[in-house]
Amino acid sequence: MDKKARIERISMMEDRYDEISRVLAALDEAVDEYEDFKSELDALRDYMDSGQWKDDYEADEAGQIPSDLKRGVLSEDGLYNLLHDADAIIDHARNVLCRDEEA
């Protein structure tokens, strides 16, 4: 085997090794962070589904909520879009991970 080709191959594989190590560490950290905040996501989902969100939204529309209170959660599409994005990201991760398991 050509020594130069071997060195180039090893160098290229080392670069791949370093990059996948970095990506896996970031993924592990992201999964841990998601796990820590999953209950927060569930609380937001419950808030929207319970009817409390609609009551709060209507109170805001009626001027019953102080105008200086941060209330992005009451935007008509904000909470729905956040929950939809969370579901889409989870589905995407599941599809990628399951595809890797099938291979």
PDB file of N, CA and C in Angstrom:
ATOM      1  N   MET A   1       0.843  -1.189   0.000  1.00  0.00           N
ATOM      2  CA  MET A   1       0.000   0.000   0.000  1.00  0.00           C
ATOM      3  C   MET A   1       0.881   1.242   0.000  1.00  0.00           C
ATOM      4  N   ASP A   2       0.443   2.222  -0.737  1.00  0.00           N
ATOM      5  CA  ASP A   2       1.143   3.502  -0.833  1.00  0.00           C
ATOM      6  C   ASP A   2       1.091   4.233   0.513  1.00  0.00           C
ATOM      7  N   LYS A   3       2.261   4.577   1.040  1.00  0.00           N
ATOM      8  CA  LYS A   3       2.360   5.225   2.353  1.00  0.00           C
ATOM      9  C   LYS A   3       1.614   6.554   2.375  1.00  0.00           C
ATOM     10  N   LYS A   4       1.728   7.334   1.309  1.00  0.00           N
ATOM     11  CA  LYS A   4       1.065   8.637   1.239  1.00  0.00           C
ATOM     12  C   LYS A   4      -0.449   8.460   1.273  1.00  0.00           C
ATOM     13  N   ALA A   5      -0.962   7.503   0.532  1.00  0.00           N
ATOM     14  CA  ALA A   5      -2.414   7.255   0.509  1.00  0.00           C
ATOM     15  C   ALA A   5      -2.907   6.810   1.885  1.00  0.00           C
ATOM     16  N   ARG A   6      -2.114   5.983   2.556  1.00  0.00           N
ATOM     17  CA  ARG A   6      -2.485   5.516   3.899  1.00  0.00           C
ATOM     18  C   ARG A   6      -2.552   6.697   4.873  1.00  0.00           C
ATOM     19  N   ILE A   7      -1.569   7.556   4.814  1.00  0.00           N
ATOM     20  CA  ILE A   7      -1.531   8.720   5.707  1.00  0.00           C
ATOM     21  C   ILE A   7      -2.712   9.643   5.425  1.00  0.00           C
ATOM     22  N   GLU A   8      -3.020   9.874   4.168  1.00  0.00           N
ATOM     23  CA  GLU A   8      -4.167  10.707   3.808  1.00  0.00           C
ATOM     24  C   GLU A   8      -5.474  10.091   4.314  1.00  0.00           C
ATOM     25  N   ARG A   9      -5.607   8.772   4.163  1.00  0.00           N
ATOM     26  CA  ARG A   9      -6.816   8.089   4.617  1.00  0.00           C
ATOM     27  C   ARG A   9      -6.958   8.202   6.134  1.00  0.00           C
ATOM     28  N   ILE A  10      -5.875   7.942   6.846  1.00  0.00           N
ATOM     29  CA  ILE A  10      -5.920   8.027   8.307  1.00  0.00           C
ATOM     30  C   ILE A  10      -6.250   9.449   8.748  1.00  0.00           C
ATOM     31  N   SER A  11      -5.659  10.421   8.101  1.00  0.00           N
ATOM     32  CA  SER A  11      -5.919  11.821   8.429  1.00  0.00           C
ATOM     33  C   SER A  11      -7.393  12.177   8.183  1.00  0.00           C
ATOM     34  N   MET A  12      -7.926  11.714   7.049  1.00  0.00           N
ATOM     35  CA  MET A  12      -9.332  11.968   6.732  1.00  0.00           C
ATOM     36  C   MET A  12     -10.249  11.286   7.750  1.00  0.00           C
ATOM     37  N   MET A  13      -9.944  10.058   8.134  1.00  0.00           N
ATOM     38  CA  MET A  13     -10.754   9.351   9.119  1.00  0.00           C
ATOM     39  C   MET A  13     -10.652  10.010  10.488  1.00  0.00           C
ATOM     40  N   GLU A  14      -9.477  10.530  10.819  1.00  0.00           N
ATOM     41  CA  GLU A  14      -9.292  11.235  12.087  1.00  0.00           C
ATOM     42  C   GLU A  14     -10.167  12.491  12.124  1.00  0.00           C
ATOM     43  N   ASP A  15     -10.235  13.218  11.001  1.00  0.00           N
ATOM     44  CA  ASP A  15     -11.110  14.388  10.921  1.00  0.00           C
ATOM     45  C   ASP A  15     -12.568  13.982  11.125  1.00  0.00           C
ATOM     46  N   ARG A  16     -12.978  12.900  10.502  1.00  0.00           N
ATOM     47  CA  ARG A  16     -14.351  12.405  10.682  1.00  0.00           C
ATOM     48  C   ARG A  16     -14.602  12.021  12.134  1.00  0.00           C
ATOM     49  N   TYR A  17     -13.634  11.326  12.734  1.00  0.00           N
ATOM     50  CA  TYR A  17     -13.732  10.903  14.130  1.00  0.00           C
ATOM     51  C   TYR A  17     -13.927  12.120  15.048  1.00  0.00           C
ATOM     52  N   ASP A  18     -13.108  13.149  14.838  1.00  0.00           N
ATOM     53  CA  ASP A  18     -13.197  14.354  15.662  1.00  0.00           C
ATOM     54  C   ASP A  18     -14.553  15.031  15.486  1.00  0.00           C
ATOM     55  N   GLU A  19     -15.008  15.128  14.253  1.00  0.00           N
ATOM     56  CA  GLU A  19     -16.276  15.818  13.980  1.00  0.00           C
ATOM     57  C   GLU A  19     -17.463  15.049  14.554  1.00  0.00           C
ATOM     58  N   ILE A  20     -17.502  13.746  14.369  1.00  0.00           N
ATOM     59  CA  ILE A  20     -18.626  12.982  14.902  1.00  0.00           C
ATOM     60  C   ILE A  20     -18.580  12.975  16.423  1.00  0.00           C
ATOM     61  N   SER A  21     -17.406  12.988  17.015  1.00  0.00           N
ATOM     62  CA  SER A  21     -17.295  13.095  18.475  1.00  0.00           C
ATOM     63  C   SER A  21     -17.910  14.403  18.959  1.00  0.00           C
ATOM     64  N   ARG A  22     -17.628  15.490  18.252  1.00  0.00           N
ATOM     65  CA  ARG A  22     -18.179  16.805  18.608  1.00  0.00           C
ATOM     66  C   ARG A  22     -19.698  16.790  18.470  1.00  0.00           C
ATOM     67  N   VAL A  23     -20.209  16.247  17.363  1.00  0.00           N
ATOM     68  CA  VAL A  23     -21.651  16.215  17.108  1.00  0.00           C
ATOM     69  C   VAL A  23     -22.369  15.351  18.143  1.00  0.00           C
ATOM     70  N   LEU A  24     -21.801  14.205  18.460  1.00  0.00           N
ATOM     71  CA  LEU A  24     -22.430  13.322  19.446  1.00  0.00           C
ATOM     72  C   LEU A  24     -22.467  13.965  20.834  1.00  0.00           C
ATOM     73  N   ALA A  25     -21.412  14.666  21.204  1.00  0.00           N
ATOM     74  CA  ALA A  25     -21.398  15.358  22.493  1.00  0.00           C
ATOM     75  C   ALA A  25     -22.476  16.444  22.531  1.00  0.00           C
ATOM     76  N   ALA A  26     -22.618  17.189  21.440  1.00  0.00           N
ATOM     77  CA  ALA A  26     -23.647  18.228  21.364  1.00  0.00           C
ATOM     78  C   ALA A  26     -25.050  17.618  21.405  1.00  0.00           C
ATOM     79  N   LEU A  27     -25.235  16.501  20.707  1.00  0.00           N
ATOM     80  CA  LEU A  27     -26.527  15.823  20.712  1.00  0.00           C
ATOM     81  C   LEU A  27     -26.860  15.319  22.110  1.00  0.00           C
ATOM     82  N   ASP A  28     -25.893  14.719  22.773  1.00  0.00           N
ATOM     83  CA  ASP A  28     -26.110  14.215  24.124  1.00  0.00           C
ATOM     84  C   ASP A  28     -26.502  15.356  25.058  1.00  0.00           C
ATOM     85  N   GLU A  29     -25.824  16.471  24.939  1.00  0.00           N
ATOM     86  CA  GLU A  29     -26.143  17.638  25.771  1.00  0.00           C
ATOM     87  C   GLU A  29     -27.551  18.151  25.463  1.00  0.00           C
ATOM     88  N   ALA A  30     -27.909  18.204  24.191  1.00  0.00           N
ATOM     89  CA  ALA A  30     -29.240  18.674  23.807  1.00  0.00           C
ATOM     90  C   ALA A  30     -30.328  17.735  24.325  1.00  0.00           C
ATOM     91  N   VAL A  31     -30.100  16.442  24.243  1.00  0.00           N
ATOM     92  CA  VAL A  31     -31.075  15.476  24.750  1.00  0.00           C
ATOM     93  C   VAL A  31     -31.233  15.630  26.258  1.00  0.00           C
ATOM     94  N   ASP A  32     -30.131  15.788  26.966  1.00  0.00           N
ATOM     95  CA  ASP A  32     -30.199  16.005  28.418  1.00  0.00           C
ATOM     96  C   ASP A  32     -30.976  17.274  28.743  1.00  0.00           C
ATOM     97  N   GLU A  33     -30.714  18.338  28.003  1.00  0.00           N
ATOM     98  CA  GLU A  33     -31.407  19.604  28.243  1.00  0.00           C
ATOM     99  C   GLU A  33     -32.896  19.456  27.951  1.00  0.00           C
ATOM    100  N   TYR A  34     -33.228  18.775  26.863  1.00  0.00           N
ATOM    101  CA  TYR A  34     -34.638  18.539  26.548  1.00  0.00           C
ATOM    102  C   TYR A  34     -35.303  17.733  27.662  1.00  0.00           C
ATOM    103  N   GLU A  35     -34.612  16.707  28.137  1.00  0.00           N
ATOM    104  CA  GLU A  35     -35.175  15.867  29.193  1.00  0.00           C
ATOM    105  C   GLU A  35     -35.471  16.701  30.447  1.00  0.00           C
ATOM    106  N   ASP A  36     -34.570  17.627  30.759  1.00  0.00           N
ATOM    107  CA  ASP A  36     -34.766  18.501  31.917  1.00  0.00           C
ATOM    108  C   ASP A  36     -35.966  19.428  31.746  1.00  0.00           C
ATOM    109  N   PHE A  37     -36.295  19.792  30.504  1.00  0.00           N
ATOM    110  CA  PHE A  37     -37.362  20.756  30.250  1.00  0.00           C
ATOM    111  C   PHE A  37     -38.628  20.132  29.678  1.00  0.00           C
ATOM    112  N   LYS A  38     -38.659  18.818  29.522  1.00  0.00           N
ATOM    113  CA  LYS A  38     -39.838  18.169  28.957  1.00  0.00           C
ATOM    114  C   LYS A  38     -41.085  18.467  29.776  1.00  0.00           C
ATOM    115  N   SER A  39     -40.949  18.497  31.092  1.00  0.00           N
ATOM    116  CA  SER A  39     -42.103  18.801  31.935  1.00  0.00           C
ATOM    117  C   SER A  39     -42.612  20.219  31.682  1.00  0.00           C
ATOM    118  N   GLU A  40     -41.710  21.130  31.328  1.00  0.00           N
ATOM    119  CA  GLU A  40     -42.118  22.499  30.999  1.00  0.00           C
ATOM    120  C   GLU A  40     -42.928  22.521  29.702  1.00  0.00           C
ATOM    121  N   LEU A  41     -42.489  21.750  28.737  1.00  0.00           N
ATOM    122  CA  LEU A  41     -43.228  21.632  27.480  1.00  0.00           C
ATOM    123  C   LEU A  41     -44.607  21.025  27.736  1.00  0.00           C
ATOM    124  N   ASP A  42     -44.639  19.992  28.557  1.00  0.00           N
ATOM    125  CA  ASP A  42     -45.914  19.360  28.898  1.00  0.00           C
ATOM    126  C   ASP A  42     -46.841  20.346  29.604  1.00  0.00           C
ATOM    127  N   ALA A  43     -46.293  21.192  30.468  1.00  0.00           N
ATOM    128  CA  ALA A  43     -47.102  22.195  31.167  1.00  0.00           C
ATOM    129  C   ALA A  43     -47.692  23.202  30.184  1.00  0.00           C
ATOM    130  N   LEU A  44     -46.911  23.612  29.199  1.00  0.00           N
ATOM    131  CA  LEU A  44     -47.428  24.531  28.172  1.00  0.00           C
ATOM    132  C   LEU A  44     -48.525  23.866  27.349  1.00  0.00           C
ATOM    133  N   ARG A  45     -48.321  22.590  27.015  1.00  0.00           N
ATOM    134  CA  ARG A  45     -49.327  21.853  26.245  1.00  0.00           C
ATOM    135  C   ARG A  45     -50.634  21.736  27.059  1.00  0.00           C
ATOM    136  N   ASP A  46     -50.504  21.429  28.339  1.00  0.00           N
ATOM    137  CA  ASP A  46     -51.676  21.336  29.211  1.00  0.00           C
ATOM    138  C   ASP A  46     -52.384  22.679  29.330  1.00  0.00           C
ATOM    139  N   TYR A  47     -51.609  23.744  29.445  1.00  0.00           N
ATOM    140  CA  TYR A  47     -52.164  25.103  29.528  1.00  0.00           C
ATOM    141  C   TYR A  47     -53.015  25.415  28.303  1.00  0.00           C
ATOM    142  N   MET A  48     -52.497  25.092  27.139  1.00  0.00           N
ATOM    143  CA  MET A  48     -53.236  25.375  25.904  1.00  0.00           C
ATOM    144  C   MET A  48     -54.479  24.492  25.799  1.00  0.00           C
ATOM    145  N   ASP A  49     -54.333  23.208  26.134  1.00  0.00           N
ATOM    146  CA  ASP A  49     -55.433  22.264  25.964  1.00  0.00           C
ATOM    147  C   ASP A  49     -56.525  22.397  27.030  1.00  0.00           C
ATOM    148  N   SER A  50     -56.190  22.965  28.170  1.00  0.00           N
ATOM    149  CA  SER A  50     -57.134  23.011  29.287  1.00  0.00           C
ATOM    150  C   SER A  50     -58.217  24.075  29.145  1.00  0.00           C
ATOM    151  N   GLY A  51     -58.018  25.024  28.263  1.00  0.00           N
ATOM    152  CA  GLY A  51     -58.954  26.141  28.161  1.00  0.00           C
ATOM    153  C   GLY A  51     -58.482  27.359  28.929  1.00  0.00           C
ATOM    154  N   GLN A  52     -57.500  27.177  29.811  1.00  0.00           N
ATOM    155  CA  GLN A  52     -56.970  28.324  30.537  1.00  0.00           C
ATOM    156  C   GLN A  52     -56.334  29.328  29.591  1.00  0.00           C
ATOM    157  N   TRP A  53     -55.665  28.822  28.546  1.00  0.00           N
ATOM    158  CA  TRP A  53     -55.031  29.731  27.589  1.00  0.00           C
ATOM    159  C   TRP A  53     -56.082  30.628  26.952  1.00  0.00           C
ATOM    160  N   LYS A  54     -57.185  30.034  26.533  1.00  0.00           N
ATOM    161  CA  LYS A  54     -58.232  30.819  25.873  1.00  0.00           C
ATOM    162  C   LYS A  54     -58.807  31.862  26.826  1.00  0.00           C
ATOM    163  N   ASP A  55     -59.025  31.488  28.076  1.00  0.00           N
ATOM    164  CA  ASP A  55     -59.518  32.455  29.062  1.00  0.00           C
ATOM    165  C   ASP A  55     -58.534  33.610  29.230  1.00  0.00           C
ATOM    166  N   ASP A  56     -57.237  33.282  29.329  1.00  0.00           N
ATOM    167  CA  ASP A  56     -56.226  34.326  29.480  1.00  0.00           C
ATOM    168  C   ASP A  56     -56.128  35.188  28.231  1.00  0.00           C
ATOM    169  N   TYR A  57     -56.227  34.566  27.069  1.00  0.00           N
ATOM    170  CA  TYR A  57     -56.187  35.302  25.809  1.00  0.00           C
ATOM    171  C   TYR A  57     -57.347  36.293  25.744  1.00  0.00           C
ATOM    172  N   GLU A  58     -58.539  35.825  26.083  1.00  0.00           N
ATOM    173  CA  GLU A  58     -59.722  36.698  26.036  1.00  0.00           C
ATOM    174  C   GLU A  58     -59.608  37.825  27.063  1.00  0.00           C
ATOM    175  N   ALA A  59     -59.049  37.530  28.233  1.00  0.00           N
ATOM    176  CA  ALA A  59     -58.831  38.578  29.235  1.00  0.00           C
ATOM    177  C   ALA A  59     -57.851  39.619  28.710  1.00  0.00           C
ATOM    178  N   ASP A  60     -56.834  39.182  27.999  1.00  0.00           N
ATOM    179  CA  ASP A  60     -55.871  40.111  27.415  1.00  0.00           C
ATOM    180  C   ASP A  60     -56.541  40.972  26.353  1.00  0.00           C
ATOM    181  N   GLU A  61     -57.333  40.350  25.509  1.00  0.00           N
ATOM    182  CA  GLU A  61     -58.050  41.100  24.466  1.00  0.00           C
ATOM    183  C   GLU A  61     -59.010  42.122  25.076  1.00  0.00           C
ATOM    184  N   ALA A  62     -59.554  41.818  26.247  1.00  0.00           N
ATOM    185  CA  ALA A  62     -60.489  42.718  26.929  1.00  0.00           C
ATOM    186  C   ALA A  62     -59.769  43.786  27.755  1.00  0.00           C
ATOM    187  N   GLY A  63     -58.419  43.781  27.709  1.00  0.00           N
ATOM    188  CA  GLY A  63     -57.648  44.789  28.423  1.00  0.00           C
ATOM    189  C   GLY A  63     -57.518  44.520  29.907  1.00  0.00           C
ATOM    190  N   GLN A  64     -57.739  43.282  30.331  1.00  0.00           N
ATOM    191  CA  GLN A  64     -57.680  42.934  31.744  1.00  0.00           C
ATOM    192  C   GLN A  64     -56.280  42.499  32.201  1.00  0.00           C
ATOM    193  N   ILE A  65     -55.350  42.431  31.278  1.00  0.00           N
ATOM    194  CA  ILE A  65     -53.968  42.040  31.594  1.00  0.00           C
ATOM    195  C   ILE A  65     -53.104  43.291  31.469  1.00  0.00           C
ATOM    196  N   PRO A  66     -52.245  43.565  32.456  1.00  0.00           N
ATOM    197  CA  PRO A  66     -51.403  44.770  32.370  1.00  0.00           C
ATOM    198  C   PRO A  66     -50.580  44.789  31.078  1.00  0.00           C
ATOM    199  N   SER A  67     -50.534  45.932  30.452  1.00  0.00           N
ATOM    200  CA  SER A  67     -49.837  46.048  29.170  1.00  0.00           C
ATOM    201  C   SER A  67     -48.326  45.872  29.303  1.00  0.00           C
ATOM    202  N   ASP A  68     -47.779  46.047  30.504  1.00  0.00           N
ATOM    203  CA  ASP A  68     -46.335  45.884  30.684  1.00  0.00           C
ATOM    204  C   ASP A  68     -45.943  44.446  31.060  1.00  0.00           C
ATOM    205  N   LEU A  69     -46.924  43.541  31.144  1.00  0.00           N
ATOM    206  CA  LEU A  69     -46.641  42.142  31.446  1.00  0.00           C
ATOM    207  C   LEU A  69     -46.214  41.423  30.169  1.00  0.00           C
ATOM    208  N   LYS A  70     -45.078  40.757  30.228  1.00  0.00           N
ATOM    209  CA  LYS A  70     -44.649  39.954  29.078  1.00  0.00           C
ATOM    210  C   LYS A  70     -45.672  38.846  28.878  1.00  0.00           C
ATOM    211  N   ARG A  71     -46.214  38.751  27.676  1.00  0.00           N
ATOM    212  CA  ARG A  71     -47.283  37.785  27.435  1.00  0.00           C
ATOM    213  C   ARG A  71     -47.248  37.214  26.019  1.00  0.00           C
ATOM    214  N   GLY A  72     -46.046  36.932  25.569  1.00  0.00           N
ATOM    215  CA  GLY A  72     -45.899  36.314  24.249  1.00  0.00           C
ATOM    216  C   GLY A  72     -46.622  34.987  24.142  1.00  0.00           C
ATOM    217  N   VAL A  73     -46.792  34.310  25.284  1.00  0.00           N
ATOM    218  CA  VAL A  73     -47.497  33.032  25.301  1.00  0.00           C
ATOM    219  C   VAL A  73     -48.957  33.202  24.865  1.00  0.00           C
ATOM    220  N   LEU A  74     -49.462  34.446  24.922  1.00  0.00           N
ATOM    221  CA  LEU A  74     -50.850  34.688  24.543  1.00  0.00           C
ATOM    222  C   LEU A  74     -51.019  35.092  23.084  1.00  0.00           C
ATOM    223  N   SER A  75     -49.919  35.191  22.347  1.00  0.00           N
ATOM    224  CA  SER A  75     -50.080  35.512  20.927  1.00  0.00           C
ATOM    225  C   SER A  75     -50.885  34.402  20.270  1.00  0.00           C
ATOM    226  N   GLU A  76     -51.709  34.753  19.310  1.00  0.00           N
ATOM    227  CA  GLU A  76     -52.643  33.778  18.728  1.00  0.00           C
ATOM    228  C   GLU A  76     -51.954  32.531  18.198  1.00  0.00           C
ATOM    229  N   ASP A  77     -50.803  32.688  17.574  1.00  0.00           N
ATOM    230  CA  ASP A  77     -50.140  31.528  16.983  1.00  0.00           C
ATOM    231  C   ASP A  77     -48.868  31.115  17.712  1.00  0.00           C
ATOM    232  N   GLY A  78     -48.383  31.930  18.623  1.00  0.00           N
ATOM    233  CA  GLY A  78     -47.093  31.685  19.248  1.00  0.00           C
ATOM    234  C   GLY A  78     -46.985  30.350  19.963  1.00  0.00           C
ATOM    235  N   LEU A  79     -47.899  30.081  20.884  1.00  0.00           N
ATOM    236  CA  LEU A  79     -47.836  28.838  21.649  1.00  0.00           C
ATOM    237  C   LEU A  79     -48.103  27.634  20.761  1.00  0.00           C
ATOM    238  N   TYR A  80     -49.090  27.745  19.891  1.00  0.00           N
ATOM    239  CA  TYR A  80     -49.391  26.650  18.967  1.00  0.00           C
ATOM    240  C   TYR A  80     -48.159  26.324  18.125  1.00  0.00           C
ATOM    241  N   ASN A  81     -47.516  27.356  17.580  1.00  0.00           N
ATOM    242  CA  ASN A  81     -46.338  27.136  16.734  1.00  0.00           C
ATOM    243  C   ASN A  81     -45.179  26.531  17.523  1.00  0.00           C
ATOM    244  N   LEU A  82     -44.988  26.972  18.765  1.00  0.00           N
ATOM    245  CA  LEU A  82     -43.926  26.410  19.594  1.00  0.00           C
ATOM    246  C   LEU A  82     -44.155  24.922  19.828  1.00  0.00           C
ATOM    247  N   LEU A  83     -45.393  24.558  20.169  1.00  0.00           N
ATOM    248  CA  LEU A  83     -45.713  23.151  20.415  1.00  0.00           C
ATOM    249  C   LEU A  83     -45.592  22.328  19.134  1.00  0.00           C
ATOM    250  N   HIS A  84     -46.016  22.906  18.027  1.00  0.00           N
ATOM    251  CA  HIS A  84     -45.888  22.230  16.733  1.00  0.00           C
ATOM    252  C   HIS A  84     -44.415  22.031  16.380  1.00  0.00           C
ATOM    253  N   ASP A  85     -43.602  23.069  16.586  1.00  0.00           N
ATOM    254  CA  ASP A  85     -42.166  22.958  16.308  1.00  0.00           C
ATOM    255  C   ASP A  85     -41.524  21.880  17.182  1.00  0.00           C
ATOM    256  N   ALA A  86     -41.907  21.817  18.454  1.00  0.00           N
ATOM    257  CA  ALA A  86     -41.359  20.798  19.348  1.00  0.00           C
ATOM    258  C   ALA A  86     -41.703  19.404  18.839  1.00  0.00           C
ATOM    259  N   ASP A  87     -42.957  19.210  18.431  1.00  0.00           N
ATOM    260  CA  ASP A  87     -43.365  17.903  17.898  1.00  0.00           C
ATOM    261  C   ASP A  87     -42.607  17.564  16.623  1.00  0.00           C
ATOM    262  N   ALA A  88     -42.420  18.555  15.757  1.00  0.00           N
ATOM    263  CA  ALA A  88     -41.718  18.321  14.488  1.00  0.00           C
ATOM    264  C   ALA A  88     -40.255  17.950  14.731  1.00  0.00           C
ATOM    265  N   ILE A  89     -39.612  18.622  15.671  1.00  0.00           N
ATOM    266  CA  ILE A  89     -38.214  18.322  15.973  1.00  0.00           C
ATOM    267  C   ILE A  89     -38.088  16.928  16.577  1.00  0.00           C
ATOM    268  N   ILE A  90     -38.991  16.590  17.478  1.00  0.00           N
ATOM    269  CA  ILE A  90     -38.973  15.261  18.092  1.00  0.00           C
ATOM    270  C   ILE A  90     -39.198  14.185  17.029  1.00  0.00           C
ATOM    271  N   ASP A  91     -40.160  14.405  16.131  1.00  0.00           N
ATOM    272  CA  ASP A  91     -40.406  13.443  15.045  1.00  0.00           C
ATOM    273  C   ASP A  91     -39.186  13.304  14.144  1.00  0.00           C
ATOM    274  N   HIS A  92     -38.558  14.427  13.837  1.00  0.00           N
ATOM    275  CA  HIS A  92     -37.364  14.409  12.994  1.00  0.00           C
ATOM    276  C   HIS A  92     -36.252  13.592  13.660  1.00  0.00           C
ATOM    277  N   ALA A  93     -36.021  13.855  14.945  1.00  0.00           N
ATOM    278  CA  ALA A  93     -34.984  13.110  15.673  1.00  0.00           C
ATOM    279  C   ALA A  93     -35.321  11.622  15.704  1.00  0.00           C
ATOM    280  N   ARG A  94     -36.574  11.311  15.966  1.00  0.00           N
ATOM    281  CA  ARG A  94     -36.993   9.907  16.013  1.00  0.00           C
ATOM    282  C   ARG A  94     -36.768   9.236  14.662  1.00  0.00           C
ATOM    283  N   ASN A  95     -37.137   9.911  13.584  1.00  0.00           N
ATOM    284  CA  ASN A  95     -36.955   9.348  12.243  1.00  0.00           C
ATOM    285  C   ASN A  95     -35.486   9.116  11.921  1.00  0.00           C
ATOM    286  N   VAL A  96     -34.647  10.064  12.279  1.00  0.00           N
ATOM    287  CA  VAL A  96     -33.209   9.912  12.009  1.00  0.00           C
ATOM    288  C   VAL A  96     -32.649   8.766  12.831  1.00  0.00           C
ATOM    289  N   LEU A  97     -32.991   8.709  14.113  1.00  0.00           N
ATOM    290  CA  LEU A  97     -32.446   7.673  14.976  1.00  0.00           C
ATOM    291  C   LEU A  97     -32.976   6.292  14.606  1.00  0.00           C
ATOM    292  N   CYS A  98     -34.257   6.205  14.277  1.00  0.00           N
ATOM    293  CA  CYS A  98     -34.827   4.900  13.885  1.00  0.00           C
ATOM    294  C   CYS A  98     -34.259   4.453  12.556  1.00  0.00           C
ATOM    295  N   ARG A  99     -34.038   5.375  11.653  1.00  0.00           N
ATOM    296  CA  ARG A  99     -33.445   5.032  10.344  1.00  0.00           C
ATOM    297  C   ARG A  99     -32.046   4.458  10.554  1.00  0.00           C
ATOM    298  N   ASP A 100     -31.286   5.040  11.493  1.00  0.00           N
ATOM    299  CA  ASP A 100     -29.950   4.534  11.779  1.00  0.00           C
ATOM    300  C   ASP A 100     -30.006   3.137  12.391  1.00  0.00           C
ATOM    301  N   GLU A 101     -31.020   2.861  13.229  1.00  0.00           N
ATOM    302  CA  GLU A 101     -31.151   1.546  13.840  1.00  0.00           C
ATOM    303  C   GLU A 101     -31.505   0.481  12.809  1.00  0.00           C
ATOM    304  N   GLU A 102     -32.264   0.858  11.772  1.00  0.00           N
ATOM    305  CA  GLU A 102     -32.687  -0.087  10.745  1.00  0.00           C
ATOM    306  C   GLU A 102     -31.567  -0.448   9.789  1.00  0.00           C
ATOM    307  N   ALA A 103     -30.573   0.433   9.680  1.00  0.00           N
ATOM    308  CA  ALA A 103     -29.484   0.235   8.729  1.00  0.00           C
ATOM    309  C   ALA A 103     -28.535  -0.864   9.151  1.00  0.00           C
TER     310      ALA A 103
END
